Amino acid sequence: MSRIAARALVVLAGLLAVLAVAGPASAHVGGGAAGSDFDGRIVSVTPELPGVTVRILQFGDEFELVNDTATEVLVPGYSDEPYLRIGPDGVWRNANSPATYLNLDRFGNASPPPQADADAEPDWVQVSTEPRYVWHDHRTHWMTENLLPPAVQADPTRPHTVAEWSVPLRHGETQAEVAGMLTWEPPPSPALVWPVYAALVLLAVAAGLLARTPRPLGALMLVGGAAALWHAIATPEPPASLGSHTGAIVSALLPAGTAVLAAVLGFRASWRGRGAMAGLLAIVLGWLFLVQGLPDVDVLWSANVLSNGPQELARASVAVLVTFGVGLVVGGIAAVRRFRETGTPRTDVDTTSPVPVG
């Protein structure tokens, strides 16, 4: 086995080990979509409830409540029946509330059992020992499947306010209301963005297939490594109900850190003229980019992106990961075939034998 192949196998084994531990990475820790044309946000909590935090997740599809007080919060269902109790002893859900079953399906198509009646005596079942909970609430999102809101159908070229919603709460004896808004925005024009994505793929392929040296390939690996790092840094805060915040964030950061390391090694190899090694690292790096970018590929055709940074930068980082991922795999294979390692002394020459002159 050549030294090039041996080194590549060591690098690949290390990268695969890291990915096996980290699992697939995405910009949205906790799962769900990374992009949507809809977006939900909270406008106000009236009156304010110190120690109680509410948050909208997944563009309005989920509602999160964290109660760090010693007083229980009651969340009513859709008929004002008791639905959730969230307090110091955890979360309790009413098995007789129709909302318990309607919230199992995004469009409310689940059929509640006969005993589920808004007027029935509550049957409380503990669903968590922590004072925090995330649930699917039909008050905060668009409910009609495969059909856009009428205002959007009438003019899909501009943003629209789809609905203003509210979720009532009771904190002890205090009645409160969480008010919010659901909006829709037109997605990016395919005629403008898809040619750019195609050009990025061709650029990465050309760097390995046509460039006279491996240095352009190495430069693109650095650009992709920067995109992977930003993609991880801008990861939104995971839901509070997630078992381990630290574990979820580390799981997202590990593949990005591995990609940065591979990008630096690939750039170093290309700068030293080791084209075959740079090509092998480009292949590995391309797969790393695809592992990170493909779970979030829906941001490429969505108006809104889950990110803690600028949405356009988040979309651009995913575009680089996906397009360079494809391009570096193809360009890396081409580079391995075209370039040979230089600077390695030959061992098949007998230096003790006289060399004819003339």
Protein backbone atom coordinates (compact mmCIF):
# COMPACT_ATOMS: atom_id res chain seq x y z
CA MET A 1 0.00 0.00 0.00
CA SER A 2 1.38 3.45 -0.91
CA ARG A 3 2.03 6.06 1.73
CA ILE A 4 -0.67 8.25 0.16
CA ALA A 5 -3.33 5.56 0.54
CA ALA A 6 -2.16 4.69 4.06
CA ARG A 7 -2.42 8.29 5.20
CA ALA A 8 -5.81 8.69 3.59
CA LEU A 9 -7.11 5.56 5.33
CA VAL A 10 -5.92 6.85 8.72
CA VAL A 11 -7.58 10.23 8.13
CA LEU A 12 -10.78 8.61 6.88
CA ALA A 13 -10.96 6.22 9.85
CA GLY A 14 -10.58 9.12 12.27
CA LEU A 15 -13.27 11.17 10.55
CA LEU A 16 -15.70 8.26 10.45
CA ALA A 17 -15.10 7.62 14.17
CA VAL A 18 -15.95 11.22 14.99
CA LEU A 19 -19.09 11.12 12.87
CA ALA A 20 -20.20 7.87 14.48
CA VAL A 21 -20.05 9.56 17.88
CA ALA A 22 -21.55 12.86 16.79
CA GLY A 23 -24.28 11.55 14.53
CA PRO A 24 -25.74 13.53 11.61
CA ALA A 25 -25.39 17.26 12.15
CA SER A 26 -27.91 19.90 11.26
CA ALA A 27 -28.50 23.59 11.87
CA HIS A 28 -31.60 22.75 13.87
CA VAL A 29 -30.65 20.76 16.93
CA GLY A 30 -33.60 18.62 17.95
CA GLY A 31 -34.81 17.81 14.44
CA GLY A 32 -37.57 19.27 12.30
CA ALA A 33 -37.42 21.49 9.24
CA ALA A 34 -34.62 24.02 8.82
CA GLY A 35 -36.55 26.20 6.37
CA SER A 36 -40.13 27.35 5.81
CA ASP A 37 -42.08 30.10 4.07
CA PHE A 38 -44.19 30.47 7.23
CA ASP A 39 -42.87 31.98 10.44
CA GLY A 40 -44.42 32.34 13.88
CA ARG A 41 -43.31 34.72 16.60
CA ILE A 42 -44.47 35.87 20.02
CA VAL A 43 -45.49 39.52 20.24
CA SER A 44 -46.31 39.85 23.94
CA VAL A 45 -47.05 38.08 27.22
CA THR A 46 -49.72 39.96 29.19
CA PRO A 47 -49.20 40.40 32.06
CA GLU A 48 -45.52 39.50 32.29
CA LEU A 49 -44.81 36.33 34.26
CA PRO A 50 -41.34 36.52 35.85
CA GLY A 51 -39.72 33.10 35.87
CA VAL A 52 -41.97 31.78 33.10
CA THR A 53 -40.43 31.64 29.62
CA VAL A 54 -42.35 30.93 26.43
CA ARG A 55 -40.90 30.39 22.97
CA ILE A 56 -42.15 29.49 19.48
CA LEU A 57 -40.21 26.74 17.69
CA GLN A 58 -40.22 25.32 14.17
CA PHE A 59 -41.75 28.42 12.51
CA GLY A 60 -44.87 28.24 14.69
CA ASP A 61 -45.36 24.47 14.76
CA GLU A 62 -44.33 24.04 18.40
CA PHE A 63 -44.87 25.96 21.64
CA GLU A 64 -42.35 25.78 24.49
CA LEU A 65 -42.99 26.77 28.11
CA VAL A 66 -40.41 26.74 30.91
CA ASN A 67 -41.65 27.42 34.44
CA ASP A 68 -38.82 28.14 36.88
CA THR A 69 -41.17 29.38 39.60
CA ALA A 70 -42.67 27.57 42.57
CA THR A 71 -46.18 28.17 41.18
CA GLU A 72 -47.85 25.89 38.65
CA VAL A 73 -48.87 27.08 35.18
CA LEU A 74 -52.14 25.73 33.74
CA VAL A 75 -52.49 25.63 29.93
CA PRO A 76 -56.09 25.29 28.70
CA GLY A 77 -57.05 23.22 25.65
CA TYR A 78 -59.04 24.40 22.65
CA SER A 79 -62.37 24.33 24.52
CA ASP A 80 -60.87 26.00 27.59
CA GLU A 81 -60.61 22.61 29.33
CA PRO A 82 -57.59 21.82 31.53
CA TYR A 83 -54.87 20.48 29.22
CA LEU A 84 -51.40 20.88 30.81
CA ARG A 85 -50.03 21.58 34.27
CA ILE A 86 -46.38 22.66 34.30
CA GLY A 87 -44.76 23.26 37.66
CA PRO A 88 -42.05 22.31 40.17
CA ASP A 89 -43.12 18.64 40.21
CA GLY A 90 -42.97 18.32 36.40
CA VAL A 91 -45.54 18.24 33.62
CA TRP A 92 -48.97 16.67 33.89
CA ARG A 93 -51.27 16.20 30.89
CA ASN A 94 -55.02 15.64 31.04
CA ALA A 95 -55.88 12.33 29.37
CA ASN A 96 -59.52 13.48 29.10
CA SER A 97 -58.64 16.65 27.18
CA PRO A 98 -59.37 16.45 23.43
CA ALA A 99 -56.24 18.60 22.89
CA THR A 100 -54.08 15.72 24.17
CA TYR A 101 -55.03 13.71 21.07
CA LEU A 102 -55.60 16.50 18.53
CA ASN A 103 -52.04 17.71 19.14
CA LEU A 104 -50.62 14.34 18.10
CA ASP A 105 -51.17 15.27 14.44
CA ARG A 106 -49.96 18.52 12.84
CA PHE A 107 -53.31 19.10 11.12
CA GLY A 108 -55.50 17.86 13.98
CA ASN A 109 -56.66 14.75 12.12
CA ALA A 110 -56.26 12.44 15.13
CA SER A 111 -59.53 11.13 16.58
CA PRO A 112 -59.87 11.55 20.37
CA PRO A 113 -61.18 8.47 22.24
CA PRO A 114 -64.73 8.51 23.60
CA GLN A 115 -63.64 9.47 27.13
CA ALA A 116 -61.90 12.61 25.86
CA ASP A 117 -64.45 15.31 26.65
CA ALA A 118 -63.85 18.95 27.50
CA ASP A 119 -66.46 18.68 30.26
CA ALA A 120 -65.06 15.46 31.77
CA GLU A 121 -63.22 15.40 35.08
CA PRO A 122 -59.46 15.77 34.40
CA ASP A 123 -57.37 12.60 34.43
CA TRP A 124 -53.83 13.86 35.04
CA VAL A 125 -50.94 11.75 33.73
CA GLN A 126 -47.35 12.81 34.39
CA VAL A 127 -45.35 13.13 31.16
CA SER A 128 -42.18 14.78 32.52
CA THR A 129 -40.42 15.34 35.82
CA GLU A 130 -38.95 18.65 34.62
CA PRO A 131 -40.81 22.01 34.75
CA ARG A 132 -40.61 22.49 30.97
CA TYR A 133 -42.51 21.17 27.99
CA VAL A 134 -42.76 21.49 24.20
CA TRP A 135 -46.02 20.64 22.47
CA HIS A 136 -47.65 21.01 19.08
CA ASP A 137 -50.29 23.75 19.37
CA HIS A 138 -52.78 24.29 16.54
CA ARG A 139 -53.37 27.90 17.58
CA THR A 140 -49.97 29.01 16.33
CA HIS A 141 -49.70 27.63 12.77
CA TRP A 142 -51.56 27.27 9.46
CA MET A 143 -53.88 24.27 9.65
CA THR A 144 -54.85 23.50 6.03
CA GLU A 145 -52.64 20.90 4.40
CA ASN A 146 -51.48 21.47 0.78
CA LEU A 147 -53.36 24.76 0.57
CA LEU A 148 -51.90 28.22 1.03
CA PRO A 149 -53.83 30.94 2.88
CA PRO A 150 -56.28 32.92 0.66
CA ALA A 151 -54.23 36.13 0.87
CA VAL A 152 -51.11 34.27 -0.25
CA GLN A 153 -52.97 32.64 -3.14
CA ALA A 154 -54.20 36.05 -4.26
CA ASP A 155 -50.68 37.56 -4.27
CA PRO A 156 -47.79 35.14 -3.67
CA THR A 157 -45.19 37.78 -4.60
CA ARG A 158 -45.21 39.69 -1.30
CA PRO A 159 -45.21 38.94 2.46
CA HIS A 160 -48.50 38.45 4.31
CA THR A 161 -49.73 38.31 7.90
CA VAL A 162 -51.65 35.05 7.94
CA ALA A 163 -53.08 35.21 11.47
CA GLU A 164 -52.79 36.80 14.89
CA TRP A 165 -53.08 34.12 17.56
CA SER A 166 -53.19 33.81 21.35
CA VAL A 167 -52.57 31.05 23.89
CA PRO A 168 -54.12 31.58 27.35
CA LEU A 169 -52.23 30.65 30.55
CA ARG A 170 -53.00 30.67 34.25
CA HIS A 171 -50.08 31.13 36.63
CA GLY A 172 -51.52 30.41 40.04
CA GLU A 173 -54.40 32.87 40.26
CA THR A 174 -53.04 35.12 37.49
CA GLN A 175 -54.71 34.92 34.10
CA ALA A 176 -52.28 35.65 31.26
CA GLU A 177 -52.22 35.59 27.48
CA VAL A 178 -49.40 34.87 25.03
CA ALA A 179 -50.11 36.82 21.83
CA GLY A 180 -48.32 36.09 18.59
CA MET A 181 -48.35 36.39 14.83
CA LEU A 182 -48.04 33.97 11.91
CA THR A 183 -46.57 35.36 8.68
CA TRP A 184 -45.75 34.08 5.19
CA GLU A 185 -42.99 35.25 2.86
CA PRO A 186 -42.25 34.38 -0.77
CA PRO A 187 -39.34 31.96 -1.24
CA PRO A 188 -36.19 32.83 -3.23
CA SER A 189 -36.68 32.90 -6.99
CA PRO A 190 -35.39 29.61 -8.52
CA ALA A 191 -34.32 31.48 -11.67
CA LEU A 192 -31.92 33.57 -9.58
CA VAL A 193 -30.46 31.09 -7.08
CA TRP A 194 -30.27 27.72 -8.86
CA PRO A 195 -27.78 28.93 -11.52
CA VAL A 196 -25.56 30.10 -8.65
CA TYR A 197 -25.76 26.69 -6.97
CA ALA A 198 -24.88 24.96 -10.26
CA ALA A 199 -21.93 27.30 -10.76
CA LEU A 200 -20.57 26.44 -7.29
CA VAL A 201 -20.68 22.72 -8.09
CA LEU A 202 -18.87 23.28 -11.40
CA LEU A 203 -16.28 25.49 -9.69
CA ALA A 204 -15.34 22.74 -7.23
CA VAL A 205 -15.24 20.11 -10.00
CA ALA A 206 -13.07 22.32 -12.20
CA ALA A 207 -10.59 22.92 -9.35
CA GLY A 208 -9.75 19.22 -9.35
CA LEU A 209 -10.34 18.42 -13.02
CA LEU A 210 -8.81 21.38 -14.86
CA ALA A 211 -6.56 23.42 -12.54
CA ARG A 212 -2.84 23.19 -13.27
CA THR A 213 -2.00 22.86 -9.55
CA PRO A 214 -3.93 21.53 -6.54
CA ARG A 215 -3.92 24.95 -4.87
CA PRO A 216 -7.36 26.06 -6.16
CA LEU A 217 -8.79 22.84 -4.72
CA GLY A 218 -7.14 23.61 -1.38
CA ALA A 219 -8.53 27.15 -1.38
CA LEU A 220 -12.06 25.86 -1.94
CA MET A 221 -11.60 23.40 0.92
CA LEU A 222 -10.80 26.31 3.24
CA VAL A 223 -13.88 28.21 2.06
CA GLY A 224 -16.02 25.15 2.69
CA GLY A 225 -14.45 24.66 6.13
CA ALA A 226 -15.39 28.24 7.03
CA ALA A 227 -18.98 27.58 5.88
CA ALA A 228 -19.11 24.41 8.02
CA LEU A 229 -17.86 26.33 11.06
CA TRP A 230 -20.42 29.12 10.64
CA HIS A 231 -23.17 26.58 10.02
CA ALA A 232 -22.38 25.04 13.44
CA ILE A 233 -21.83 28.32 15.33
CA ALA A 234 -25.20 29.67 14.15
CA THR A 235 -27.03 26.58 15.43
CA PRO A 236 -30.20 27.77 17.22
CA GLU A 237 -30.60 27.04 20.89
CA PRO A 238 -32.17 23.58 21.25
CA PRO A 239 -35.52 23.10 23.00
CA ALA A 240 -35.28 23.33 26.78
CA SER A 241 -36.99 19.94 27.05
CA LEU A 242 -34.12 18.25 25.21
CA GLY A 243 -32.36 15.77 27.48
CA SER A 244 -28.91 17.34 27.21
CA HIS A 245 -28.31 20.81 25.79
CA THR A 246 -24.56 20.38 25.95
CA GLY A 247 -24.66 16.98 24.28
CA ALA A 248 -26.88 18.26 21.47
CA ILE A 249 -24.65 21.25 20.76
CA VAL A 250 -21.45 19.18 20.91
CA SER A 251 -23.07 16.69 18.51
CA ALA A 252 -23.60 19.55 16.06
CA LEU A 253 -20.13 21.06 16.53
CA LEU A 254 -18.07 17.87 16.22
CA PRO A 255 -18.64 17.30 12.47
CA ALA A 256 -17.90 20.98 11.80
CA GLY A 257 -14.66 20.81 13.77
CA THR A 258 -13.70 17.66 11.90
CA ALA A 259 -14.45 19.35 8.58
CA VAL A 260 -12.28 22.35 9.51
CA LEU A 261 -9.40 20.03 10.41
CA ALA A 262 -9.73 18.16 7.11
CA ALA A 263 -9.91 21.47 5.22
CA VAL A 264 -6.72 22.74 6.84
CA LEU A 265 -4.90 19.47 6.11
CA GLY A 266 -6.16 19.54 2.52
CA PHE A 267 -5.07 23.15 2.02
CA ARG A 268 -1.64 22.37 3.50
CA ALA A 269 -1.23 19.38 1.18
CA SER A 270 -2.28 21.41 -1.86
CA TRP A 271 0.09 24.27 -0.96
CA ARG A 272 2.99 21.82 -0.75
CA GLY A 273 2.13 20.40 -4.14
CA ARG A 274 0.87 17.07 -2.83
CA GLY A 275 -2.00 16.91 -5.27
CA ALA A 276 -2.95 13.29 -4.74
CA MET A 277 -3.22 13.72 -0.98
CA ALA A 278 -5.16 16.96 -1.45
CA GLY A 279 -7.52 15.09 -3.78
CA LEU A 280 -8.10 12.31 -1.25
CA LEU A 281 -8.81 14.84 1.50
CA ALA A 282 -11.17 16.68 -0.87
CA ILE A 283 -13.17 13.46 -1.32
CA VAL A 284 -13.42 12.92 2.44
CA LEU A 285 -14.25 16.59 3.02
CA GLY A 286 -16.94 16.50 0.35
CA TRP A 287 -18.71 13.70 2.22
CA LEU A 288 -18.37 15.61 5.48
CA PHE A 289 -19.96 18.66 3.87
CA LEU A 290 -22.86 16.57 2.55
CA VAL A 291 -23.43 15.02 5.99
CA GLN A 292 -23.81 18.52 7.43
CA GLY A 293 -25.60 20.24 4.56
CA LEU A 294 -28.16 17.73 3.28
CA PRO A 295 -30.31 17.63 6.47
CA ASP A 296 -30.83 21.38 6.02
CA VAL A 297 -31.15 21.46 2.23
CA ASP A 298 -34.74 22.78 2.49
CA VAL A 299 -33.34 26.25 3.33
CA LEU A 300 -32.27 26.59 -0.32
CA TRP A 301 -35.89 27.01 -1.44
CA SER A 302 -37.43 28.50 1.74
CA ALA A 303 -37.96 32.12 2.75
CA ASN A 304 -37.16 31.63 6.44
CA VAL A 305 -34.19 29.80 7.95
CA LEU A 306 -33.57 28.55 11.49
CA SER A 307 -30.36 30.32 12.51
CA ASN A 308 -28.91 32.50 15.25
CA GLY A 309 -27.28 34.67 12.57
CA PRO A 310 -28.34 36.47 9.37
CA GLN A 311 -30.68 34.27 7.36
CA GLU A 312 -28.92 34.94 4.04
CA LEU A 313 -25.60 33.90 5.55
CA ALA A 314 -27.20 30.73 6.91
CA ARG A 315 -28.63 29.91 3.48
CA ALA A 316 -25.28 30.64 1.82
CA SER A 317 -23.41 28.33 4.22
CA VAL A 318 -25.76 25.44 3.45
CA ALA A 319 -25.45 26.16 -0.28
CA VAL A 320 -21.65 25.97 -0.01
CA LEU A 321 -21.80 22.75 2.01
CA VAL A 322 -24.11 20.98 -0.43
CA THR A 323 -22.60 22.26 -3.69
CA PHE A 324 -18.97 21.96 -2.58
CA GLY A 325 -19.82 18.57 -1.09
CA VAL A 326 -20.80 17.27 -4.51
CA GLY A 327 -18.08 19.19 -6.34
CA LEU A 328 -15.22 18.20 -4.05
CA VAL A 329 -16.06 14.51 -4.26
CA VAL A 330 -15.95 14.64 -8.06
CA GLY A 331 -13.05 17.11 -8.21
CA GLY A 332 -11.11 15.16 -5.60
CA ILE A 333 -11.39 11.94 -7.61
CA ALA A 334 -10.13 13.82 -10.66
CA ALA A 335 -7.24 15.33 -8.68
CA VAL A 336 -6.10 11.94 -7.39
CA ARG A 337 -5.91 10.69 -10.97
CA ARG A 338 -4.14 13.78 -12.32
CA PHE A 339 -1.59 14.72 -9.67
CA ARG A 340 1.33 12.75 -8.31
CA GLU A 341 3.11 13.21 -5.03
CA THR A 342 6.36 15.14 -5.37
CA GLY A 343 9.41 15.37 -3.15
CA THR A 344 9.53 11.65 -2.26
CA PRO A 345 13.05 10.24 -2.87
CA ARG A 346 13.21 7.18 -5.08
CA THR A 347 14.35 3.95 -3.43
CA ASP A 348 14.82 1.85 -6.57
CA VAL A 349 18.03 3.59 -7.71
CA ASP A 350 21.46 2.14 -6.80
CA THR A 351 23.43 5.24 -5.83
CA THR A 352 26.66 3.25 -5.38
CA SER A 353 26.95 2.29 -9.06
CA PRO A 354 28.92 4.58 -11.34
CA VAL A 355 26.84 6.79 -13.61
CA PRO A 356 28.02 7.02 -17.20
CA VAL A 357 28.99 10.51 -18.31
CA GLY A 358 28.75 11.64 -21.86
